[in-house]
C-alpha cells in the first residue's frame, strides 16, 4: 500500500531534516509539503483502487478495500489540516520539531494498518505503532512536569491495555485456531459459543475501549490530554482516536457479526456509561482544555454507536463522525493554543479583539454540540440512524439525545464568554492572515459536511 510506505519514508526524511541547520520555520514548511504529498498519494490510492474484489497483501495479513482506502485518504487529509493549523505551534514545544513531525508520520503508519488489517497480529502491531509515538509526544515538553506526568500515565496505562489485548488475541486464537479475522466468521459461528472465544472478545473489547477513551477505561484521558502539549493533544484526541475506532468496528463487524447478541448489551452499557461520565464531568470543568478532554470521552460514546450497529449505515457513520469530529476539534485546539489562559475567562471578549477567531471557534463548537447545518449534526444523525435500524436499543438513543442536550451547556459557555463577557484575552503571538484563512477554510469544511455529507462517503 502506497500510503503506508510513503508515510514511513516521509517520517525518516523528517528525522534527517533535523540533523542539519534548517530553521524551525523551514522544517514546518517541509512537513506541510510532505503531508500534502501523502494526501495526494491517498487520493491516488482511492482513484487507482479496483472496484471489485479487495486486494490481499503480505500473506493475506492486510485486506485493502475501497472503504479502507477512502477512510485513509480522509484521515490523511485531516492530518494535513492539522499540520497547516499547528505547525508553528508544534515548533514551539521544544527543540526537536522535526522529530515531532516524524512521529506523527509514524502514527499514520499505525492508522493505515488498523484500517486494513486482516490478522489479529496486524491489529496488535497497528495499535502499538499508533500508540508508542503518542507516548513520546505526550512527554515532549521537558520543562513541564505535567507533560512528563502525562507521558508516564499514558505509557503505564497503555502497557496494561496492551497486555489485555494480547490476552484477548491469545484466547481467540485458542478458540478459532487462526489469527485471521475472516476465518473467525465461520469458526465462531456455532450454536454454543466457546467460552474461550467469549472471554477473548471481552478482553479485546476492554483493550480497545481504553484506546478510544470509553468508560470506565477512560480514567487516563483527562490527565493525559491536559498535561500533554496542546498541539499534540489535538492529534491524540482526533485522528489517533478515529483510527482506533475504525479498528474496533472492523473487528466486531467482520469477525463477531454473527455473535452480536452476545456482546451488544455489554457494549451498550459501556456506551451509556461513557456518555454519562463524559458529559456530566465536562459540566464542572473550569479549563477549556480539560473540558475538551472530557467532551472527547462523550464524543467517543456517540462513536461507539457505530460499533453497536452491525449494518451499512454504521460504516458511513464512523467515517462521517471521524472526519467531522476531527476537523472541529483540531480547529478549536488551533484557537486554544493561541491563548495564554485556557480557562473560560481566557475567552472573555475574544469576539471584540479577534472576531475571526471567535467566529471560527463558534462554528467548531456548534459542530461538536451537534447543531444543524454543521458536520457534527450529520455525524450524530448517521450513528443514531444506524442504531435505530439495528433495533432493540431505542432506550440508548433517547439517553444519548438527553446527554447531547447536556453538552450544549458546557460548549456554549465558551460562546457566552467570547461574545457576552468583557475582557482582553492575551494571545501568545499575533494572529496572521494565514492563520485566519486556514481557520475559515476549516469552518467551510465543517459546513460542507453539514449540508453535503455524501461528498465524504465512498458510495
Foldseek 3Di string as FASTA:
>chain_A
DVLLVLLLVVLVVLQVVLVDPDDLVVSLVSLLVSLVVSLVVLVVCLVPPDPDAWDADDVNQWTHDNLLSLLLNLLSVLVSLLSLLCSVVCVVLDPSSSNLSSLVSQLSSLLSLLSTGQFLVSPLVSLCSNQPSLLCQQLSNVVAVLSVVLSVLSVVLLVVLSVLLVQLQVLLCVQQVGRGLQSLQVSQLDPDGDPSNLSSVVSNVLSLCLQLLFPPNNVSQLSSQVSGRLSSSLVSLASSNLSSLSSLLVNCLNNVVSVLVSCLVVLLVSLLRQLVQLLVVLLPDFFQSSSVSSLSSNLSSLLSLLSSQNDDLSSLLSSLSRSQLSLLSSLLSSLCSFFPGRGLLLQAQQCVVPVLSLVLNVLSLCLSLLPALFSNVVSSVSSLVSNVVRDPVVVSSVSSVVSSVSNCNSSCSSNCRHPPGHDDTDTPDDQDPSSSVSSVVSSVVGSCCRVPVVVSDPD
